[in-house]
Amino acid sequence: MRIAVDPTAAQPAELLDHDVFTSFDVTVPSGTSVSDLSAVLGSVGELDAAGDDVADAHVRVFVSWLRETAHAEGADAGWDEQFEGMLAYAEQQGWVAGNQSEGTDGRTVRAHVVVE
């Protein structure tokens, strides 16, 4: 699963490969700054950056955004089960934060930022 973020695009965040559950990252074009990335994440997630280098950053992506976006893009009936399996693995690694309660999903899952 990949999220392409381009602060200069009309739609700055796009979910790609929503049915690939063996990798998870956020790609940004070369030259994207930490502040530019942070400014366009909005409903996608929150930037977790220790400094000014976007290549060393992570994005805590909202699980609800991933689920809603994948279904809007035509994820099939088995998608949720596979997605929950991916989240279970991520949780074992310590990459999931927040909790799921009363049908709402306040969780985030950490993605590496990849500069292309």
N, C-alpha and C. Protein backbone atom coordinates (compact mmCIF):
# COMPACT_ATOMS: atom_id res chain seq x y z
N MET A 1 0.86 -1.15 0.00
CA MET A 1 0.00 0.00 0.00
C MET A 1 0.91 1.22 0.00
N ARG A 2 0.53 2.18 -0.78
CA ARG A 2 1.35 3.39 -0.90
C ARG A 2 0.44 4.59 -0.97
N ILE A 3 0.88 5.66 -0.33
CA ILE A 3 0.19 6.93 -0.42
C ILE A 3 1.15 7.90 -1.09
N ALA A 4 0.75 8.42 -2.23
CA ALA A 4 1.56 9.41 -2.94
C ALA A 4 1.08 10.79 -2.50
N VAL A 5 2.02 11.57 -2.00
CA VAL A 5 1.69 12.93 -1.55
C VAL A 5 2.54 13.90 -2.35
N ASP A 6 1.87 14.82 -3.02
CA ASP A 6 2.54 15.86 -3.79
C ASP A 6 1.89 17.20 -3.44
N PRO A 7 2.60 18.01 -2.64
CA PRO A 7 2.01 19.28 -2.20
C PRO A 7 1.63 20.22 -3.35
N THR A 8 2.16 20.01 -4.55
CA THR A 8 1.85 20.89 -5.68
C THR A 8 0.68 20.40 -6.51
N ALA A 9 0.17 19.21 -6.23
CA ALA A 9 -0.90 18.63 -7.03
C ALA A 9 -2.27 19.14 -6.58
N ALA A 10 -3.24 19.10 -7.49
CA ALA A 10 -4.61 19.50 -7.16
C ALA A 10 -5.18 18.60 -6.07
N GLN A 11 -4.90 17.30 -6.16
CA GLN A 11 -5.27 16.35 -5.11
C GLN A 11 -3.96 15.89 -4.48
N PRO A 12 -3.56 16.52 -3.37
CA PRO A 12 -2.20 16.27 -2.86
C PRO A 12 -1.94 14.87 -2.31
N ALA A 13 -2.95 14.12 -1.93
CA ALA A 13 -2.74 12.77 -1.40
C ALA A 13 -3.60 11.77 -2.15
N GLU A 14 -2.95 10.68 -2.56
CA GLU A 14 -3.66 9.65 -3.32
C GLU A 14 -3.22 8.28 -2.83
N LEU A 15 -4.20 7.41 -2.56
CA LEU A 15 -3.92 6.04 -2.15
C LEU A 15 -3.67 5.19 -3.39
N LEU A 16 -2.52 4.56 -3.45
CA LEU A 16 -2.16 3.68 -4.56
C LEU A 16 -1.94 2.27 -4.03
N ASP A 17 -2.16 1.30 -4.89
CA ASP A 17 -1.91 -0.11 -4.52
C ASP A 17 -2.63 -0.48 -3.23
N HIS A 18 -3.91 -0.13 -3.13
CA HIS A 18 -4.65 -0.38 -1.89
C HIS A 18 -4.81 -1.85 -1.56
N ASP A 19 -4.52 -2.72 -2.52
CA ASP A 19 -4.65 -4.15 -2.27
C ASP A 19 -3.31 -4.84 -2.07
N VAL A 20 -2.24 -4.07 -1.86
CA VAL A 20 -0.93 -4.62 -1.53
C VAL A 20 -0.74 -4.43 -0.03
N PHE A 21 -0.70 -5.54 0.71
CA PHE A 21 -0.67 -5.47 2.17
C PHE A 21 0.70 -5.82 2.75
N THR A 22 1.71 -5.94 1.91
CA THR A 22 3.04 -6.35 2.38
C THR A 22 4.02 -5.18 2.47
N SER A 23 3.60 -4.00 2.11
CA SER A 23 4.44 -2.82 2.28
C SER A 23 3.53 -1.62 2.53
N PHE A 24 4.11 -0.60 3.15
CA PHE A 24 3.30 0.57 3.47
C PHE A 24 4.22 1.78 3.56
N ASP A 25 4.04 2.74 2.68
CA ASP A 25 4.85 3.94 2.75
C ASP A 25 4.12 5.13 2.15
N VAL A 26 4.70 6.30 2.40
CA VAL A 26 4.22 7.55 1.85
C VAL A 26 5.33 8.07 0.95
N THR A 27 5.03 8.28 -0.33
CA THR A 27 6.04 8.80 -1.24
C THR A 27 5.80 10.28 -1.48
N VAL A 28 6.91 11.02 -1.57
CA VAL A 28 6.86 12.45 -1.85
C VAL A 28 7.90 12.76 -2.90
N PRO A 29 7.66 13.79 -3.71
CA PRO A 29 8.66 14.17 -4.71
C PRO A 29 9.89 14.79 -4.05
N SER A 30 11.02 14.62 -4.70
CA SER A 30 12.26 15.24 -4.24
C SER A 30 12.03 16.74 -4.10
N GLY A 31 12.57 17.32 -3.06
CA GLY A 31 12.42 18.75 -2.82
C GLY A 31 11.28 19.09 -1.88
N THR A 32 10.47 18.11 -1.50
CA THR A 32 9.38 18.36 -0.57
C THR A 32 9.95 18.61 0.82
N SER A 33 9.52 19.67 1.45
CA SER A 33 10.00 19.99 2.79
C SER A 33 9.08 19.39 3.84
N VAL A 34 9.57 19.32 5.05
CA VAL A 34 8.78 18.84 6.17
C VAL A 34 7.54 19.71 6.34
N SER A 35 7.69 21.02 6.23
CA SER A 35 6.54 21.91 6.41
C SER A 35 5.53 21.75 5.27
N ASP A 36 6.01 21.55 4.03
CA ASP A 36 5.09 21.34 2.90
C ASP A 36 4.29 20.05 3.09
N LEU A 37 4.97 18.99 3.50
CA LEU A 37 4.29 17.71 3.71
C LEU A 37 3.27 17.83 4.84
N SER A 38 3.67 18.41 5.93
CA SER A 38 2.77 18.57 7.07
C SER A 38 1.53 19.38 6.69
N ALA A 39 1.71 20.39 5.87
CA ALA A 39 0.60 21.28 5.50
C ALA A 39 -0.47 20.60 4.66
N VAL A 40 -0.13 19.56 3.90
CA VAL A 40 -1.12 18.95 3.01
C VAL A 40 -1.68 17.62 3.52
N LEU A 41 -1.22 17.13 4.65
CA LEU A 41 -1.70 15.82 5.12
C LEU A 41 -3.16 15.85 5.51
N GLY A 42 -3.62 16.91 6.17
CA GLY A 42 -5.04 17.05 6.49
C GLY A 42 -5.67 15.81 7.06
N SER A 43 -6.66 15.25 6.37
CA SER A 43 -7.41 14.10 6.85
C SER A 43 -6.66 12.78 6.69
N VAL A 44 -5.48 12.81 6.05
CA VAL A 44 -4.71 11.58 5.81
C VAL A 44 -4.00 11.13 7.08
N GLY A 45 -3.39 12.06 7.77
CA GLY A 45 -2.63 11.68 8.97
C GLY A 45 -1.83 12.84 9.50
N GLU A 46 -0.86 12.47 10.34
CA GLU A 46 -0.04 13.48 11.00
C GLU A 46 1.43 13.16 10.76
N LEU A 47 2.21 14.19 10.53
CA LEU A 47 3.64 14.02 10.29
C LEU A 47 4.36 13.80 11.61
N ASP A 48 5.29 12.87 11.60
CA ASP A 48 6.14 12.59 12.74
C ASP A 48 7.57 12.77 12.24
N ALA A 49 8.10 13.95 12.44
CA ALA A 49 9.44 14.28 11.95
C ALA A 49 10.29 14.81 13.09
N ALA A 50 11.49 14.25 13.22
CA ALA A 50 12.38 14.68 14.29
C ALA A 50 13.17 15.93 13.90
N GLY A 51 13.28 16.18 12.61
CA GLY A 51 14.07 17.33 12.17
C GLY A 51 13.51 17.90 10.89
N ASP A 52 14.40 18.45 10.08
CA ASP A 52 13.99 19.10 8.84
C ASP A 52 14.10 18.21 7.61
N ASP A 53 14.58 16.99 7.77
CA ASP A 53 14.77 16.10 6.62
C ASP A 53 13.56 15.18 6.46
N VAL A 54 12.80 15.40 5.40
CA VAL A 54 11.59 14.61 5.17
C VAL A 54 11.91 13.12 4.99
N ALA A 55 13.12 12.81 4.52
CA ALA A 55 13.50 11.41 4.31
C ALA A 55 13.63 10.64 5.63
N ASP A 56 13.78 11.35 6.73
CA ASP A 56 13.86 10.70 8.04
C ASP A 56 12.53 10.68 8.76
N ALA A 57 11.49 11.13 8.11
CA ALA A 57 10.18 11.29 8.75
C ALA A 57 9.30 10.06 8.58
N HIS A 58 8.24 10.06 9.35
CA HIS A 58 7.16 9.07 9.23
C HIS A 58 5.85 9.83 9.22
N VAL A 59 4.82 9.19 8.71
CA VAL A 59 3.48 9.74 8.77
C VAL A 59 2.63 8.75 9.55
N ARG A 60 1.92 9.26 10.54
CA ARG A 60 0.95 8.44 11.27
C ARG A 60 -0.37 8.59 10.51
N VAL A 61 -0.66 7.59 9.69
CA VAL A 61 -1.82 7.63 8.80
C VAL A 61 -3.06 7.15 9.55
N PHE A 62 -4.15 7.89 9.39
CA PHE A 62 -5.40 7.51 10.05
C PHE A 62 -5.95 6.25 9.39
N VAL A 63 -6.19 5.24 10.21
CA VAL A 63 -6.74 3.97 9.73
C VAL A 63 -8.09 4.22 9.06
N SER A 64 -8.89 5.11 9.61
CA SER A 64 -10.20 5.40 9.03
C SER A 64 -10.06 5.98 7.62
N TRP A 65 -9.05 6.81 7.38
CA TRP A 65 -8.83 7.37 6.04
C TRP A 65 -8.46 6.26 5.07
N LEU A 66 -7.59 5.36 5.49
CA LEU A 66 -7.20 4.24 4.62
C LEU A 66 -8.41 3.40 4.25
N ARG A 67 -9.22 3.06 5.24
CA ARG A 67 -10.39 2.20 4.99
C ARG A 67 -11.40 2.90 4.07
N GLU A 68 -11.73 4.15 4.39
CA GLU A 68 -12.72 4.89 3.58
C GLU A 68 -12.22 5.10 2.15
N THR A 69 -10.97 5.43 2.00
CA THR A 69 -10.42 5.69 0.67
C THR A 69 -10.35 4.41 -0.16
N ALA A 70 -9.91 3.33 0.44
CA ALA A 70 -9.83 2.06 -0.29
C ALA A 70 -11.21 1.62 -0.75
N HIS A 71 -12.22 1.74 0.10
CA HIS A 71 -13.58 1.34 -0.29
C HIS A 71 -14.13 2.27 -1.37
N ALA A 72 -13.81 3.54 -1.30
CA ALA A 72 -14.25 4.48 -2.33
C ALA A 72 -13.61 4.16 -3.68
N GLU A 73 -12.44 3.52 -3.63
CA GLU A 73 -11.73 3.16 -4.86
C GLU A 73 -12.05 1.74 -5.30
N GLY A 74 -13.02 1.09 -4.66
CA GLY A 74 -13.48 -0.20 -5.12
C GLY A 74 -12.90 -1.41 -4.43
N ALA A 75 -12.40 -1.26 -3.21
CA ALA A 75 -11.89 -2.43 -2.48
C ALA A 75 -13.00 -3.47 -2.37
N ASP A 76 -12.65 -4.74 -2.59
CA ASP A 76 -13.66 -5.80 -2.58
C ASP A 76 -13.97 -6.27 -1.16
N ALA A 77 -14.86 -7.22 -1.06
CA ALA A 77 -15.37 -7.68 0.24
C ALA A 77 -14.28 -8.26 1.13
N GLY A 78 -13.25 -8.85 0.57
CA GLY A 78 -12.18 -9.44 1.38
C GLY A 78 -11.13 -8.45 1.83
N TRP A 79 -11.24 -7.23 1.38
CA TRP A 79 -10.22 -6.23 1.68
C TRP A 79 -10.08 -5.98 3.18
N ASP A 80 -11.19 -5.81 3.89
CA ASP A 80 -11.14 -5.49 5.31
C ASP A 80 -10.40 -6.56 6.11
N GLU A 81 -10.64 -7.82 5.79
CA GLU A 81 -9.97 -8.90 6.51
C GLU A 81 -8.46 -8.84 6.29
N GLN A 82 -8.05 -8.64 5.05
CA GLN A 82 -6.62 -8.54 4.75
C GLN A 82 -6.01 -7.29 5.40
N PHE A 83 -6.75 -6.20 5.39
CA PHE A 83 -6.28 -4.97 6.00
C PHE A 83 -6.09 -5.15 7.50
N GLU A 84 -7.04 -5.79 8.16
CA GLU A 84 -6.91 -6.05 9.59
C GLU A 84 -5.71 -6.94 9.88
N GLY A 85 -5.40 -7.87 8.99
CA GLY A 85 -4.20 -8.69 9.14
C GLY A 85 -2.94 -7.84 9.06
N MET A 86 -2.91 -6.89 8.13
CA MET A 86 -1.79 -5.98 8.02
C MET A 86 -1.65 -5.15 9.30
N LEU A 87 -2.77 -4.65 9.81
CA LEU A 87 -2.74 -3.86 11.03
C LEU A 87 -2.29 -4.69 12.24
N ALA A 88 -2.68 -5.94 12.29
CA ALA A 88 -2.26 -6.81 13.40
C ALA A 88 -0.74 -6.96 13.39
N TYR A 89 -0.17 -7.16 12.21
CA TYR A 89 1.29 -7.24 12.11
C TYR A 89 1.93 -5.92 12.53
N ALA A 90 1.39 -4.81 12.04
CA ALA A 90 1.94 -3.50 12.37
C ALA A 90 1.84 -3.25 13.88
N GLU A 91 0.77 -3.71 14.48
CA GLU A 91 0.60 -3.53 15.92
C GLU A 91 1.67 -4.30 16.69
N GLN A 92 1.97 -5.51 16.25
CA GLN A 92 3.03 -6.31 16.89
C GLN A 92 4.38 -5.60 16.81
N GLN A 93 4.58 -4.81 15.78
CA GLN A 93 5.84 -4.10 15.60
C GLN A 93 5.86 -2.76 16.35
N GLY A 94 4.73 -2.38 16.91
CA GLY A 94 4.64 -1.11 17.63
C GLY A 94 4.35 0.07 16.72
N TRP A 95 3.80 -0.19 15.53
CA TRP A 95 3.56 0.86 14.55
C TRP A 95 2.13 1.39 14.56
N VAL A 96 1.28 0.86 15.43
CA VAL A 96 -0.11 1.30 15.52
C VAL A 96 -0.29 2.04 16.84
N ALA A 97 -0.96 3.18 16.77
CA ALA A 97 -1.24 3.96 17.97
C ALA A 97 -2.73 4.24 18.04
N GLY A 98 -3.22 4.55 19.23
CA GLY A 98 -4.64 4.85 19.40
C GLY A 98 -5.43 3.59 19.67
N ASN A 99 -6.76 3.75 19.65
CA ASN A 99 -7.61 2.59 19.91
C ASN A 99 -8.88 2.65 19.08
N GLN A 100 -9.52 1.51 19.02
CA GLN A 100 -10.77 1.37 18.28
C GLN A 100 -11.87 1.16 19.30
N SER A 101 -12.87 2.03 19.30
CA SER A 101 -13.95 1.88 20.28
C SER A 101 -15.28 2.31 19.69
N GLU A 102 -16.31 1.61 20.08
CA GLU A 102 -17.68 1.94 19.70
C GLU A 102 -17.86 2.22 18.21
N GLY A 103 -17.21 1.41 17.39
CA GLY A 103 -17.40 1.52 15.95
C GLY A 103 -16.62 2.65 15.30
N THR A 104 -15.89 3.43 16.08
CA THR A 104 -15.06 4.47 15.49
C THR A 104 -13.62 4.00 15.53
N ASP A 105 -12.81 4.49 14.64
CA ASP A 105 -11.43 4.06 14.59
C ASP A 105 -10.52 5.26 14.78
N GLY A 106 -9.98 5.40 15.96
CA GLY A 106 -9.06 6.48 16.26
C GLY A 106 -7.61 6.06 16.12
N ARG A 107 -7.39 4.93 15.45
CA ARG A 107 -6.03 4.43 15.33
C ARG A 107 -5.27 5.10 14.19
N THR A 108 -3.95 5.10 14.32
CA THR A 108 -3.06 5.48 13.24
C THR A 108 -2.06 4.35 13.04
N VAL A 109 -1.54 4.26 11.82
CA VAL A 109 -0.49 3.29 11.52
C VAL A 109 0.67 4.06 10.89
N ARG A 110 1.86 3.76 11.33
CA ARG A 110 3.04 4.49 10.91
C ARG A 110 3.54 4.04 9.54
N ALA A 111 3.82 5.02 8.69
CA ALA A 111 4.36 4.76 7.36
C ALA A 111 5.68 5.51 7.21
N HIS A 112 6.63 4.88 6.55
CA HIS A 112 7.89 5.54 6.23
C HIS A 112 7.66 6.52 5.11
N VAL A 113 8.39 7.62 5.12
CA VAL A 113 8.36 8.56 3.99
C VAL A 113 9.49 8.20 3.05
N VAL A 114 9.14 8.04 1.77
CA VAL A 114 10.11 7.73 0.73
C VAL A 114 10.16 8.89 -0.25
N VAL A 115 11.35 9.42 -0.47
CA VAL A 115 11.52 10.54 -1.40
C VAL A 115 11.83 9.96 -2.77
N GLU A 116 11.05 10.37 -3.76
CA GLU A 116 11.26 9.87 -5.14
C GLU A 116 11.83 10.94 -6.02
